[in-house]
Amino acid sequence: MSQFGKPRVRAGLREGEGPGSRLLAYFPDAAMGNSAIQFLLMLGVRSDQLGVTTPSRMPRGQGMLLSIAAADPALLPKIEDHCRRQGAHIHRESRPSTEP
């Protein structure tokens, strides 16, 4: 098992999850990550589109990792900008198309 522990998967059908982009944001300070979550919800990011790795699951017990998807790709630059202003290190992840 990795240092992050066993992944937790929520059961259920995920609709509308076609190809697109996802931001991974690492916050060295979990308080800034919590602040970013509140802002993202106000922007219209659905809570089921946020993946959170809490400080208790981080290797040194501090910081926070957010995995963020947006139904509207036009929101991604706003999301990235806000997270950077909160001190996050950003990585963009592209999901390949599942269509033939």
C-alpha atoms as a PDB file:
ATOM      1  CA  MET A   1       0.000   0.000   0.000  1.00  0.00           C
ATOM      2  CA  SER A   2       1.303   3.478  -0.806  1.00  0.00           C
ATOM      3  CA  GLN A   3       2.076   6.155   1.741  1.00  0.00           C
ATOM      4  CA  PHE A   4      -1.291   7.792   0.951  1.00  0.00           C
ATOM      5  CA  GLY A   5      -3.299   4.754   2.055  1.00  0.00           C
ATOM      6  CA  LYS A   6      -6.094   2.922   0.291  1.00  0.00           C
ATOM      7  CA  PRO A   7      -8.070   5.168  -2.109  1.00  0.00           C
ATOM      8  CA  ARG A   8     -11.699   5.774  -1.262  1.00  0.00           C
ATOM      9  CA  VAL A   9     -14.154   5.428  -4.140  1.00  0.00           C
ATOM     10  CA  ARG A  10     -17.750   6.581  -4.001  1.00  0.00           C
ATOM     11  CA  ALA A  11     -20.139   4.226  -5.756  1.00  0.00           C
ATOM     12  CA  GLY A  12     -22.605   5.466  -8.326  1.00  0.00           C
ATOM     13  CA  LEU A  13     -22.988   6.496 -11.927  1.00  0.00           C
ATOM     14  CA  ARG A  14     -21.183   9.684 -12.898  1.00  0.00           C
ATOM     15  CA  GLU A  15     -22.994  11.462 -15.689  1.00  0.00           C
ATOM     16  CA  GLY A  16     -21.555  14.218 -17.819  1.00  0.00           C
ATOM     17  CA  GLU A  17     -17.970  13.167 -17.209  1.00  0.00           C
ATOM     18  CA  GLY A  18     -16.719  13.365 -20.763  1.00  0.00           C
ATOM     19  CA  PRO A  19     -13.228  14.340 -21.827  1.00  0.00           C
ATOM     20  CA  GLY A  20     -11.915  17.545 -20.378  1.00  0.00           C
ATOM     21  CA  SER A  21      -9.397  19.058 -18.054  1.00  0.00           C
ATOM     22  CA  ARG A  22      -8.887  18.830 -14.352  1.00  0.00           C
ATOM     23  CA  LEU A  23      -6.690  20.942 -12.107  1.00  0.00           C
ATOM     24  CA  LEU A  24      -4.644  19.468  -9.308  1.00  0.00           C
ATOM     25  CA  ALA A  25      -3.811  22.078  -6.682  1.00  0.00           C
ATOM     26  CA  TYR A  26      -1.398  21.417  -3.809  1.00  0.00           C
ATOM     27  CA  PHE A  27      -1.763  23.830  -0.901  1.00  0.00           C
ATOM     28  CA  PRO A  28       1.106  23.774   1.618  1.00  0.00           C
ATOM     29  CA  ASP A  29      -1.353  25.224   4.165  1.00  0.00           C
ATOM     30  CA  ALA A  30      -4.693  23.411   4.536  1.00  0.00           C
ATOM     31  CA  ALA A  31      -6.426  26.610   5.701  1.00  0.00           C
ATOM     32  CA  MET A  32      -5.793  28.144   2.276  1.00  0.00           C
ATOM     33  CA  GLY A  33      -7.161  24.989   0.658  1.00  0.00           C
ATOM     34  CA  ASN A  34     -10.337  25.277   2.734  1.00  0.00           C
ATOM     35  CA  SER A  35     -10.675  28.918   1.710  1.00  0.00           C
ATOM     36  CA  ALA A  36     -10.267  27.946  -1.949  1.00  0.00           C
ATOM     37  CA  ILE A  37     -12.984  25.275  -1.619  1.00  0.00           C
ATOM     38  CA  GLN A  38     -15.462  27.885  -0.356  1.00  0.00           C
ATOM     39  CA  PHE A  39     -14.645  30.171  -3.287  1.00  0.00           C
ATOM     40  CA  LEU A  40     -14.909  27.324  -5.824  1.00  0.00           C
ATOM     41  CA  LEU A  41     -18.379  26.440  -4.588  1.00  0.00           C
ATOM     42  CA  MET A  42     -19.422  30.094  -4.982  1.00  0.00           C
ATOM     43  CA  LEU A  43     -18.066  30.036  -8.562  1.00  0.00           C
ATOM     44  CA  GLY A  44     -20.380  27.145  -9.378  1.00  0.00           C
ATOM     45  CA  VAL A  45     -18.044  24.146  -9.093  1.00  0.00           C
ATOM     46  CA  ARG A  46     -20.182  21.257  -7.849  1.00  0.00           C
ATOM     47  CA  SER A  47     -18.988  19.554  -4.692  1.00  0.00           C
ATOM     48  CA  ASP A  48     -19.001  16.174  -6.472  1.00  0.00           C
ATOM     49  CA  GLN A  49     -16.367  17.603  -8.831  1.00  0.00           C
ATOM     50  CA  LEU A  50     -13.909  18.268  -5.996  1.00  0.00           C
ATOM     51  CA  GLY A  51     -11.541  15.630  -4.746  1.00  0.00           C
ATOM     52  CA  VAL A  52      -9.858  16.460  -1.442  1.00  0.00           C
ATOM     53  CA  THR A  53      -6.846  14.833   0.178  1.00  0.00           C
ATOM     54  CA  THR A  54      -6.849  16.128   3.746  1.00  0.00           C
ATOM     55  CA  PRO A  55      -3.763  16.847   5.890  1.00  0.00           C
ATOM     56  CA  SER A  56      -4.229  13.592   7.808  1.00  0.00           C
ATOM     57  CA  ARG A  57      -3.651  11.678   4.548  1.00  0.00           C
ATOM     58  CA  MET A  58      -0.661  13.762   3.369  1.00  0.00           C
ATOM     59  CA  PRO A  59       2.854  12.327   3.816  1.00  0.00           C
ATOM     60  CA  ARG A  60       3.975  14.881   6.441  1.00  0.00           C
ATOM     61  CA  GLY A  61       0.542  15.469   7.931  1.00  0.00           C
ATOM     62  CA  GLN A  62       0.172  18.974   6.545  1.00  0.00           C
ATOM     63  CA  GLY A  63      -1.108  20.646   3.405  1.00  0.00           C
ATOM     64  CA  MET A  64      -4.026  19.749   1.170  1.00  0.00           C
ATOM     65  CA  LEU A  65      -4.426  18.417  -2.339  1.00  0.00           C
ATOM     66  CA  LEU A  66      -7.487  19.381  -4.401  1.00  0.00           C
ATOM     67  CA  SER A  67      -8.549  17.729  -7.638  1.00  0.00           C
ATOM     68  CA  ILE A  68     -10.895  20.152  -9.396  1.00  0.00           C
ATOM     69  CA  ALA A  69     -13.101  19.606 -12.457  1.00  0.00           C
ATOM     70  CA  ALA A  70     -15.466  22.197 -13.849  1.00  0.00           C
ATOM     71  CA  ALA A  71     -18.593  21.584 -15.921  1.00  0.00           C
ATOM     72  CA  ASP A  72     -17.750  24.793 -17.792  1.00  0.00           C
ATOM     73  CA  PRO A  73     -14.147  24.774 -19.132  1.00  0.00           C
ATOM     74  CA  ALA A  74     -14.249  28.595 -19.226  1.00  0.00           C
ATOM     75  CA  LEU A  75     -14.090  28.508 -15.404  1.00  0.00           C
ATOM     76  CA  LEU A  76     -10.728  26.720 -15.319  1.00  0.00           C
ATOM     77  CA  PRO A  77      -8.585  29.875 -15.785  1.00  0.00           C
ATOM     78  CA  LYS A  78     -10.502  31.621 -12.959  1.00  0.00           C
ATOM     79  CA  ILE A  79     -10.115  28.572 -10.740  1.00  0.00           C
ATOM     80  CA  GLU A  80      -6.398  28.307 -11.486  1.00  0.00           C
ATOM     81  CA  ASP A  81      -5.829  32.019 -10.832  1.00  0.00           C
ATOM     82  CA  HIS A  82      -7.649  31.941  -7.498  1.00  0.00           C
ATOM     83  CA  CYS A  83      -5.829  28.824  -6.320  1.00  0.00           C
ATOM     84  CA  ARG A  84      -2.449  30.337  -7.242  1.00  0.00           C
ATOM     85  CA  ARG A  85      -3.322  33.496  -5.290  1.00  0.00           C
ATOM     86  CA  GLN A  86      -4.082  31.241  -2.303  1.00  0.00           C
ATOM     87  CA  GLY A  87      -0.569  29.761  -2.555  1.00  0.00           C
ATOM     88  CA  ALA A  88      -1.289  26.561  -4.494  1.00  0.00           C
ATOM     89  CA  HIS A  89       1.078  24.754  -6.826  1.00  0.00           C
ATOM     90  CA  ILE A  90      -0.967  23.848  -9.934  1.00  0.00           C
ATOM     91  CA  HIS A  91      -0.812  20.892 -12.302  1.00  0.00           C
ATOM     92  CA  ARG A  92      -3.236  20.510 -15.229  1.00  0.00           C
ATOM     93  CA  GLU A  93      -4.430  17.026 -16.086  1.00  0.00           C
ATOM     94  CA  SER A  94      -6.128  16.280 -19.414  1.00  0.00           C
ATOM     95  CA  ARG A  95      -8.474  13.338 -19.697  1.00  0.00           C
ATOM     96  CA  PRO A  96      -8.449  11.562 -23.066  1.00  0.00           C
ATOM     97  CA  SER A  97     -11.606  11.172 -25.063  1.00  0.00           C
ATOM     98  CA  THR A  98     -13.389   7.828 -24.638  1.00  0.00           C
ATOM     99  CA  GLU A  99     -15.052   7.998 -28.044  1.00  0.00           C
ATOM    100  CA  PRO A 100     -13.678   5.825 -30.911  1.00  0.00           C
END
